[in-house]
Protein backbone atom coordinates (compact mmCIF):
# COMPACT_ATOMS: atom_id res chain seq x y z
CA MET A 1 82.46 68.70 63.28
CA ARG A 2 83.63 67.10 60.01
CA LYS A 3 80.68 68.60 58.16
CA ALA A 4 81.45 72.24 59.54
CA GLY A 5 85.20 71.59 58.53
CA GLU A 6 84.13 70.58 55.03
CA ASN A 7 81.93 73.68 54.67
CA LYS A 8 84.71 75.85 55.81
CA LEU A 9 86.99 74.14 53.20
CA ARG A 10 84.60 74.57 50.36
CA ARG A 11 84.19 78.31 51.24
CA ALA A 12 87.99 78.90 51.37
CA LEU A 13 88.40 77.06 48.06
CA LEU A 14 85.78 79.30 46.42
CA VAL A 15 87.86 82.24 47.53
CA LEU A 16 91.02 80.64 46.34
CA ILE A 17 89.48 80.03 42.95
CA LEU A 18 88.05 83.53 42.73
CA PHE A 19 91.23 85.10 43.63
CA SER A 20 93.37 82.98 41.51
CA ALA A 21 91.40 83.86 38.48
CA ASN A 22 92.48 87.43 39.05
CA ALA A 23 96.06 86.38 39.15
CA LEU A 24 95.88 84.71 35.97
CA GLN A 25 93.97 87.46 34.24
CA ALA A 26 96.54 89.99 35.62
CA GLN A 27 99.56 88.19 34.06
CA GLN A 28 97.84 88.51 30.57
CA THR A 29 97.07 92.14 30.60
CA THR A 30 98.80 95.39 31.10
CA PRO A 31 97.25 98.19 33.35
CA PRO A 32 96.10 101.17 31.43
CA PRO A 33 98.21 104.26 31.40
CA ASP A 34 95.53 106.30 33.07
CA PRO A 35 93.44 104.24 35.56
CA PRO A 36 89.83 104.96 35.42
CA GLY A 37 87.78 106.05 38.51
CA GLU A 38 86.28 103.39 40.95
CA ARG A 39 82.94 103.38 39.45
CA ALA A 40 84.26 103.12 35.90
CA LYS A 41 86.52 100.23 36.93
CA LEU A 42 83.64 98.47 38.55
CA LYS A 43 81.51 98.81 35.56
CA GLU A 44 84.22 97.70 33.31
CA SER A 45 85.30 94.77 35.31
CA CYS A 46 82.12 93.39 36.74
CA PHE A 47 79.58 94.11 33.86
CA SER A 48 81.65 92.84 30.89
CA PHE A 49 80.28 89.27 31.40
CA THR A 50 83.65 87.76 30.32
CA PHE A 51 85.83 85.20 32.28
CA SER A 52 88.80 87.53 31.72
CA GLY A 53 87.01 90.19 33.70
CA LEU A 54 86.40 88.08 36.69
CA GLY A 55 89.79 88.73 38.30
CA GLY A 56 89.58 92.45 37.82
CA CYS A 57 86.02 92.42 39.32
CA ALA A 58 87.29 90.45 42.25
CA GLU A 59 90.10 93.01 42.86
CA GLU A 60 87.66 95.96 42.74
CA LEU A 61 85.13 94.13 45.02
CA PHE A 62 87.54 92.94 47.65
CA THR A 63 90.21 95.79 47.71
CA GLY A 64 88.61 98.84 46.12
CA VAL A 65 88.51 102.20 47.46
CA PRO A 66 86.47 103.81 49.18
CA PHE A 67 84.27 100.83 49.67
CA HIS A 68 84.87 97.09 49.32
CA ILE A 69 83.64 93.86 50.55
CA ALA A 70 85.15 92.66 53.79
CA VAL A 71 85.69 88.93 54.34
CA GLY A 72 87.73 86.89 56.78
CA SER A 73 87.64 83.98 59.22
CA ILE A 74 86.42 85.99 62.19
CA ALA A 75 87.85 83.45 64.80
CA PRO A 76 88.11 79.56 65.03
CA GLN A 77 84.84 77.68 65.49
CA ASP A 78 82.92 80.86 64.59
CA GLY A 79 83.09 80.66 60.86
CA PHE A 80 83.79 82.82 57.66
CA GLY A 81 82.47 86.29 57.92
CA GLY A 82 81.23 88.76 55.20
CA GLY A 83 80.52 92.45 55.43
CA VAL A 84 81.60 95.79 54.07
CA ALA A 85 84.69 98.04 54.62
CA TYR A 86 85.29 101.76 54.02
CA VAL A 87 88.80 103.32 53.40
CA GLY A 88 89.58 107.10 53.41
CA HIS A 89 92.59 109.25 53.63
CA HIS A 90 93.69 112.92 53.83
CA THR A 91 97.32 113.94 52.77
CA THR A 92 99.22 117.01 53.71
CA THR A 93 102.81 118.00 53.08
CA SER A 94 103.80 116.25 56.35
CA TRP A 95 101.22 113.71 57.22
CA ARG A 96 99.13 110.98 55.31
CA ASN A 97 96.13 110.25 57.60
CA THR A 98 93.92 107.25 56.73
CA TRP A 99 90.93 105.72 58.22
CA ASN A 100 89.34 102.20 57.91
CA ALA A 101 85.92 101.05 59.22
CA ASP A 102 84.42 97.69 58.67
CA ALA A 103 81.91 95.32 60.01
CA ILE A 104 81.36 91.53 59.27
CA ALA A 105 79.08 88.77 60.60
CA THR A 106 79.16 84.92 60.34
CA GLY A 107 76.47 82.31 59.99
CA ASN A 108 76.41 81.49 63.70
CA GLY A 109 75.58 84.97 64.75
CA SER A 110 79.17 86.11 65.52
CA TRP A 111 80.29 89.59 64.45
CA ARG A 112 83.10 92.04 64.56
CA ALA A 113 82.99 95.87 63.90
CA GLY A 114 85.86 98.35 64.11
CA PHE A 115 87.09 101.83 63.23
CA TYR A 116 90.93 102.24 62.71
CA MET A 117 92.95 105.48 62.08
CA LYS A 118 96.58 105.86 61.01
CA PHE A 119 98.63 109.17 61.22
CA VAL A 120 101.82 108.59 59.08
CA HIS A 121 104.51 111.24 59.37
CA THR A 122 105.96 112.03 56.00
CA PRO A 123 108.13 115.12 56.34
CA ASN A 124 110.05 116.61 53.39
CA GLU A 125 108.38 114.32 50.92
CA ALA A 126 106.65 116.20 48.17
CA VAL A 127 103.24 114.95 47.34
CA GLY A 128 102.19 115.80 43.72
CA VAL A 129 99.76 114.58 41.05
CA SER A 130 101.05 112.55 38.08
CA PHE A 131 99.52 110.58 35.34
CA GLY A 132 100.21 107.06 34.10
CA PRO A 133 101.39 104.08 35.93
CA PRO A 134 103.52 104.62 39.14
CA PRO A 135 107.31 104.10 38.99
CA PRO A 136 108.40 100.38 39.54
CA VAL A 137 108.71 99.08 42.98
CA GLU A 138 111.40 96.52 44.23
CA GLU A 139 109.60 93.03 44.51
CA ASN A 140 110.89 92.54 48.08
CA LEU A 141 109.63 96.22 49.18
CA MET A 142 112.68 96.60 51.29
CA GLY A 143 113.83 99.93 49.79
CA LEU A 144 110.83 101.92 51.03
CA THR A 145 111.02 104.46 53.80
CA GLU A 146 110.09 103.72 57.26
CA HIS A 147 107.80 106.25 58.86
CA THR A 148 106.63 107.34 62.21
CA VAL A 149 103.07 106.02 62.71
CA PHE A 150 100.44 106.79 65.23
CA GLY A 151 97.28 104.50 65.46
CA LEU A 152 94.05 104.85 66.98
CA TYR A 153 91.19 102.16 67.11
CA ALA A 154 87.90 101.10 68.47
CA GLN A 155 86.91 97.48 67.95
CA ALA A 156 84.17 95.12 69.21
CA ILE A 157 83.74 91.50 68.68
CA SER A 158 81.26 88.92 69.57
CA LEU A 159 82.03 85.25 69.47
CA ASN A 160 79.26 82.62 70.15
CA LYS A 161 81.58 79.60 70.15
CA VAL A 162 85.00 79.40 71.73
CA THR A 163 86.57 76.16 73.05
CA PHE A 164 87.88 75.72 76.57
CA LEU A 165 89.64 72.44 77.75
CA GLY A 166 91.11 73.54 80.98
CA LEU A 167 94.51 74.99 81.96
CA GLY A 168 97.97 73.66 81.58
CA PRO A 169 99.76 70.89 79.71
CA ASP A 170 97.76 68.06 81.30
CA THR A 171 94.41 68.67 79.96
CA THR A 172 92.29 66.13 77.97
CA GLU A 173 89.96 66.19 75.23
CA ALA A 174 87.22 64.92 77.69
CA GLY A 175 87.32 68.33 79.32
CA ARG A 176 86.14 70.14 76.32
CA THR A 177 83.46 72.92 76.83
CA PHE A 178 82.37 75.98 75.07
CA PHE A 179 81.80 79.60 75.99
CA GLY A 180 80.67 82.85 74.30
CA MET A 181 82.61 86.04 74.51
CA THR A 182 82.36 89.71 73.77
CA GLU A 183 85.39 92.01 73.87
CA THR A 184 85.59 95.74 73.19
CA ILE A 185 89.03 97.35 72.76
CA VAL A 186 89.59 101.07 72.57
CA GLY A 187 93.18 102.32 72.35
CA GLY A 188 96.26 103.48 70.24
CA ASN A 189 99.71 102.60 69.42
CA VAL A 190 102.88 104.32 68.09
CA VAL A 191 105.79 103.04 65.99
CA LYS A 192 108.94 105.21 65.89
CA PRO A 193 111.98 104.18 63.63
CA PHE A 194 115.34 104.95 65.10
CA SER A 195 117.90 102.97 62.83
CA GLY A 196 117.75 102.59 59.13
CA GLN A 197 120.60 100.14 59.04
CA LEU A 198 118.90 97.85 61.39
CA ASN A 199 115.40 98.75 60.25
CA ALA A 200 114.62 99.22 64.01
CA SER A 201 111.60 100.83 65.69
CA LEU A 202 110.32 101.49 69.14
CA LEU A 203 106.74 100.25 69.91
CA GLY A 204 104.22 101.53 72.27
CA GLU A 205 100.50 100.84 72.97
CA MET A 206 97.74 101.77 75.37
CA ASN A 207 94.37 99.85 75.50
CA GLY A 208 91.24 99.67 77.38
CA ARG A 209 89.86 96.08 77.23
CA PHE A 210 86.28 95.11 78.38
CA VAL A 211 85.38 91.36 78.20
CA SER A 212 82.09 89.70 78.87
CA ILE A 213 81.90 85.83 79.15
CA ARG A 214 78.60 84.06 78.60
CA GLU A 215 77.32 80.50 78.25
CA SER A 216 77.51 78.64 74.81
CA ASN A 217 74.67 76.19 74.93
CA GLY A 218 73.41 73.90 72.19
CA GLN A 219 76.98 72.68 71.31
CA ASN A 220 78.27 69.05 71.10
CA SER A 221 79.88 69.56 74.45
CA PRO A 222 78.94 71.19 77.78
CA SER A 223 78.77 74.98 78.38
CA ILE A 224 81.88 76.15 80.33
CA SER A 225 80.09 76.70 83.70
CA GLN A 226 78.78 73.13 83.76
CA VAL A 227 82.25 71.92 84.27
CA TYR A 228 84.69 74.63 85.46
CA ASP A 229 84.42 77.25 88.19
CA GLU A 230 86.37 80.36 89.23
CA ALA A 231 89.20 78.15 90.69
CA THR A 232 89.76 76.18 87.43
CA ALA A 233 89.01 79.01 85.06
CA PRO A 234 89.98 82.34 86.64
CA GLY A 235 87.75 85.14 85.42
CA LEU A 236 84.72 83.00 84.64
CA THR A 237 82.35 84.54 87.11
CA THR A 238 83.70 88.19 86.87
CA GLN A 239 85.35 89.87 84.15
CA ALA A 240 87.21 93.13 85.28
CA GLY A 241 87.73 96.14 82.91
CA THR A 242 91.42 96.19 82.01
CA PHE A 243 93.87 98.98 81.30
CA GLN A 244 96.78 97.65 79.38
CA LEU A 245 100.02 99.26 78.33
CA GLY A 246 102.84 98.02 76.24
CA GLU A 247 106.37 99.00 75.34
CA GLY A 248 108.65 97.15 72.86
CA ILE A 249 111.39 97.06 70.30
CA ARG A 250 111.42 95.51 66.72
CA ILE A 251 114.32 95.08 64.40
CA ARG A 252 114.02 93.77 60.79
CA PRO A 253 117.54 93.83 59.20
CA VAL A 254 118.45 92.05 56.01
CA PHE A 255 121.78 90.63 54.90
CA ASP A 256 123.43 88.86 51.96
CA LYS A 257 121.63 91.00 49.24
CA ASP A 258 118.23 90.59 50.91
CA LEU A 259 118.39 86.81 50.98
CA VAL A 260 118.73 86.62 54.91
CA ARG A 261 115.98 88.47 56.63
CA LEU A 262 115.41 88.69 60.35
CA ASN A 263 112.24 90.00 62.13
CA TYR A 264 112.90 90.20 65.89
CA SER A 265 110.51 91.81 68.41
CA ALA A 266 110.21 92.05 72.21
CA ILE A 267 107.24 93.57 73.94
CA TYR A 268 106.59 94.04 77.59
CA GLN A 269 102.85 94.43 78.58
CA GLN A 270 101.27 95.50 81.72
CA TYR A 271 97.53 94.67 82.56
CA PHE A 272 95.98 96.64 85.35
CA ALA A 273 92.61 95.33 86.71
CA THR A 274 90.63 94.73 89.94
CA ASP A 275 89.80 91.30 91.38
CA ASN A 276 93.43 90.13 91.57
CA PHE A 277 93.73 90.18 87.81
CA THR A 278 96.66 92.45 87.43
CA PHE A 279 99.76 90.84 85.70
CA GLN A 280 102.53 91.47 83.16
CA ARG A 281 103.49 89.62 80.06
CA LEU A 282 106.85 89.48 78.10
CA THR A 283 106.52 88.30 74.48
CA ILE A 284 109.54 87.46 72.48
CA ASP A 285 109.19 86.66 68.72
CA LEU A 286 112.22 85.90 66.70
CA GLY A 287 111.59 85.26 63.04
CA HIS A 288 114.18 84.15 60.38
CA GLN A 289 113.50 83.99 56.72
CA TYR A 290 116.19 82.63 54.14
CA ALA A 291 114.92 83.64 50.74
CA LEU A 292 115.62 80.93 47.93
CA HIS A 293 115.42 83.62 45.28
CA SER A 294 116.56 87.26 45.02
CA LYS A 295 112.97 88.32 44.09
CA THR A 296 111.20 86.66 46.79
CA ARG A 297 108.84 89.32 48.37
CA ILE A 298 108.58 90.06 52.14
CA ASN A 299 104.93 89.54 53.16
CA GLU A 300 105.16 91.31 56.53
CA PRO A 301 102.22 93.80 57.43
CA ARG A 302 103.04 97.44 56.48
CA LEU A 303 102.48 99.50 59.47
CA ASN A 304 101.30 102.49 57.44
CA ASN A 305 98.21 100.75 56.60
CA GLY A 306 94.99 99.85 58.42
CA PRO A 307 93.65 96.28 58.30
CA ASP A 308 91.51 97.20 55.25
CA ALA A 309 94.18 98.89 53.29
CA CYS A 310 97.07 97.33 51.32
CA ALA A 311 99.12 100.38 49.88
CA ILE A 312 102.73 99.82 49.33
CA ASP A 313 103.91 103.13 50.55
CA PRO A 314 101.76 105.99 51.93
CA VAL A 315 103.26 108.55 49.62
CA SER A 316 105.26 107.15 46.73
CA HIS A 317 103.03 104.16 46.01
CA PRO A 318 99.69 104.33 47.51
CA GLU A 319 98.26 101.56 45.50
CA CYS A 320 98.05 97.81 46.30
CA PRO A 321 100.62 95.32 44.85
CA LYS A 322 99.56 93.69 41.68
CA PRO A 323 98.15 90.12 42.25
CA TYR A 324 100.75 88.24 40.43
CA VAL A 325 104.53 87.54 40.55
CA ARG A 326 107.05 87.48 37.69
CA ASN A 327 109.50 85.04 39.20
CA PHE A 328 109.76 81.89 41.34
CA GLU A 329 109.51 82.78 45.03
CA GLY A 330 110.44 80.57 47.85
CA SER A 331 111.95 80.78 51.45
CA ILE A 332 112.92 78.67 54.45
CA GLY A 333 111.92 79.99 58.00
CA PHE A 334 112.73 79.41 61.57
CA ARG A 335 110.70 81.05 64.29
CA PHE A 336 111.02 81.07 68.07
CA PHE A 337 108.10 82.58 70.12
CA THR A 338 107.38 82.75 73.82
CA ALA A 339 104.96 84.53 76.06
CA LEU A 340 105.89 84.62 79.79
CA SER A 341 103.51 85.99 82.37
CA MET A 342 104.32 87.57 85.74
CA THR A 343 101.62 87.74 88.50
CA PRO A 344 102.47 89.87 91.66
CA GLY A 345 101.24 88.64 94.90
CA GLY A 346 98.21 86.13 94.77
CA ASN A 347 97.13 87.49 91.41
CA VAL A 348 96.21 85.38 88.48
CA VAL A 349 95.95 85.70 84.65
CA PRO A 350 92.27 85.44 83.74
CA PHE A 351 91.73 82.59 81.40
CA TYR A 352 90.50 84.71 78.56
CA PHE A 353 93.69 86.54 78.38
CA GLN A 354 95.88 83.48 78.37
CA PRO A 355 97.54 82.48 75.00
CA THR A 356 96.66 79.19 73.32
CA LEU A 357 98.54 76.55 71.26
CA GLY A 358 96.63 74.10 69.05
CA GLY A 359 94.84 74.56 65.77
CA SER A 360 94.48 78.34 65.67
CA ASP A 361 94.31 80.87 68.44
CA ILE A 362 91.43 83.46 68.88
CA ASN A 363 93.51 85.94 66.59
CA GLY A 364 93.62 83.20 63.95
CA ASN A 365 97.34 82.34 64.20
CA SER A 366 98.12 78.62 63.55
CA SER A 367 100.17 76.55 65.80
CA LEU A 368 100.40 72.76 66.51
CA SER A 369 97.85 72.56 63.90
CA SER A 370 97.05 68.91 64.14
CA TYR A 371 95.32 69.55 67.41
CA GLN A 372 91.89 71.19 67.80
CA ASP A 373 91.56 74.92 68.05
CA TYR A 374 92.45 76.44 71.51
CA ARG A 375 93.71 72.96 72.60
CA PHE A 376 96.36 74.09 75.11
CA ARG A 377 95.88 77.14 77.15
CA ALA A 378 98.11 78.46 79.95
CA PRO A 379 99.89 81.75 81.17
CA ASP A 380 103.18 80.62 79.67
CA VAL A 381 103.82 79.17 76.12
CA MET A 382 106.68 78.42 73.89
CA LEU A 383 106.75 77.57 70.22
CA LEU A 384 109.44 76.55 67.61
CA ARG A 385 108.47 76.45 63.99
CA GLU A 386 110.43 75.40 60.87
CA SER A 387 108.81 76.08 57.59
CA PHE A 388 109.21 75.84 53.90
CA GLU A 389 107.18 77.61 51.17
CA HIS A 390 107.62 77.90 47.42
CA SER A 391 105.38 79.24 44.57
CA ILE A 392 103.80 76.92 42.16
CA TRP A 393 105.49 78.08 38.94
CA ASN A 394 105.19 81.94 39.00
CA LEU A 395 101.68 81.95 40.42
CA PRO A 396 100.77 83.69 43.72
CA ILE A 397 99.65 80.07 44.92
CA GLY A 398 102.27 78.53 47.16
CA PHE A 399 103.14 75.06 48.55
CA THR A 400 104.00 75.00 52.26
CA LEU A 401 105.47 72.45 54.84
CA MET A 402 105.69 73.24 58.51
CA ALA A 403 106.91 71.61 61.62
CA ASP A 404 105.95 72.83 65.08
CA GLU A 405 107.20 71.95 68.69
CA GLY A 406 105.49 73.65 71.46
CA LYS A 407 104.72 73.61 75.20
CA VAL A 408 102.62 75.34 77.84
CA ALA A 409 102.83 75.60 81.56
CA MET A 410 101.17 77.30 84.51
CA THR A 411 104.48 78.98 85.73
CA ARG A 412 107.58 80.14 83.87
CA GLY A 413 109.53 77.65 85.74
CA GLY A 414 107.31 74.97 84.56
CA LEU A 415 108.28 75.39 80.94
CA GLY A 416 111.49 73.43 81.55
CA SER A 417 109.75 70.34 82.71
CA SER A 418 106.62 70.52 80.43
CA PRO A 419 106.69 67.97 77.69
CA TRP A 420 107.21 69.17 73.98
CA ILE A 421 104.20 68.69 71.73
CA HIS A 422 104.83 68.12 68.01
CA SER A 423 102.62 68.75 64.81
CA PHE A 424 103.35 68.85 61.03
CA SER A 425 101.41 70.49 58.35
CA THR A 426 101.35 70.73 54.47
CA GLY A 427 98.98 72.69 52.25
CA LEU A 428 98.49 75.57 49.95
CA THR A 429 98.78 79.30 50.51
CA LEU A 430 97.55 82.28 48.45
CA ARG A 431 99.18 85.71 48.49
CA ALA A 432 97.65 87.68 45.59
CA GLY A 433 98.05 91.48 45.47
CA GLY A 434 96.12 92.98 48.31
CA PHE A 435 93.66 90.08 48.67
CA PRO A 436 93.42 88.57 52.23
CA GLN A 437 95.84 85.67 52.63
CA VAL A 438 94.31 82.26 52.22
CA TYR A 439 95.81 79.05 53.60
CA LEU A 440 94.48 75.48 53.45
CA LEU A 441 96.37 73.24 55.81
CA PHE A 442 96.25 69.25 56.60
CA SER A 443 98.01 68.61 59.90
CA TRP A 444 99.03 65.45 61.59
CA GLY A 445 101.69 64.13 64.04
CA GLY A 446 100.09 64.87 67.42
CA ASN A 447 98.42 62.09 69.40
CA GLU A 448 94.87 63.36 68.86
CA GLY A 449 94.33 62.68 65.14
CA THR A 450 94.45 64.96 62.17
CA HIS A 451 93.04 68.41 61.56
CA THR A 452 92.29 70.44 58.33
CA ILE A 453 92.29 74.18 58.49
CA ALA A 454 90.81 76.55 56.17
CA ASN A 455 91.58 80.26 56.88
CA VAL A 456 91.13 83.59 55.08
CA ASN A 457 92.98 86.30 56.98
CA THR A 458 91.01 89.08 58.64
CA SER A 459 93.14 91.86 57.11
CA LEU A 460 94.17 92.61 53.52
CA LEU A 461 97.67 91.43 52.62
CA GLY A 462 99.95 94.12 53.55
CA GLY A 463 97.37 95.62 56.05
CA THR A 464 98.23 95.68 59.88
CA SER A 465 96.87 93.06 62.14
CA ARG A 466 93.87 93.93 64.22
CA PRO A 467 94.26 94.38 67.93
CA SER A 468 95.20 91.22 69.71
CA LEU A 469 92.22 89.71 71.74
CA PHE A 470 94.47 88.60 74.64
């Protein structure tokens, strides 16, 4: 396990160095007034055989249009993947339609492939052709117009190594097992803004989910069926096709000259399946960011983009942000997150749709990072996070500190008596232009040792997240 962690750390550091070289090069050069075509930029950047061209070459290789290299940490335990992505678009007077397709694979045979479309409604916004650099954009990107966005997607993922340690707050490391999983998601979503003052939107989604669980042999712990059965891991023997709906609201207002930023969302989801696997889930996520400088950027995903795109705005600024900053950036954050499940009658939540805390979850989100990945799994979870992040000089590399407190329970009422679990983390982050976000974390404070996490996000910075796997 230590050797695998060191290899992941080396790969992430390699990406960090490559992307940082681009940031340093970008600070010393001025973009040409008439950007050359994609082939010309590749030729100029990647065949100049100079160190200064390394950054530009990385930018073209990892964020270029229509093709670029796709990279990312596919899921905890399954490694760092690489592949190819394709990005295209078609713009009319009222719509900007984009499509992304990508496929990546990892060293242990895991893979992910997907196709994602966005239909962005842009009425009464003239689209024309202009020459030279685009007009300047505010650093925090809050002045851009919110659009109605319809999304369609189809994604399949196959993971050969996922950890399962049982359900609930009282599990132990001795119960660790592994399983393999394939999930196909076909569906769509919509975002409809309704209040510019509150930056508020209504959310909707509709998904078909098809999961297959398999053994994971040859690991340093048993395969899941050697320790657990249908009673202790619901859904282990039969995985029913699931039709899932979701409705929600999100508000992202800013106050005090953009220094106080809120990101609140509430989503109610319904999962319809046979074999007593029908259930509902309410997810509440309340994020608070207090910017320490007026030019601190907001790094939330831009819903106009697919996961392989990083455009600032679909019409006025279809380019990616530049991979450098001109000012110090820093923020203090507070977040409250909870996922509460409701099971009618004698129904249960299948274990593969239950959220987890510890290390990183199956979507790559970190929580209680001093514990191993997927450490605590249950139908009901709660998480509190306090964070601090600041740029190192005016580079896109940042230093971060985080403190997490979380708990899990088998019932909503059980969250009250379930014990709080603590973890602390420190490390480096990289947010450079449209490159995937990279973070290196060293975590401690739990009662099961320390944990080092090296992660490269599965989407470009500014791209939307991929469909959740649970």
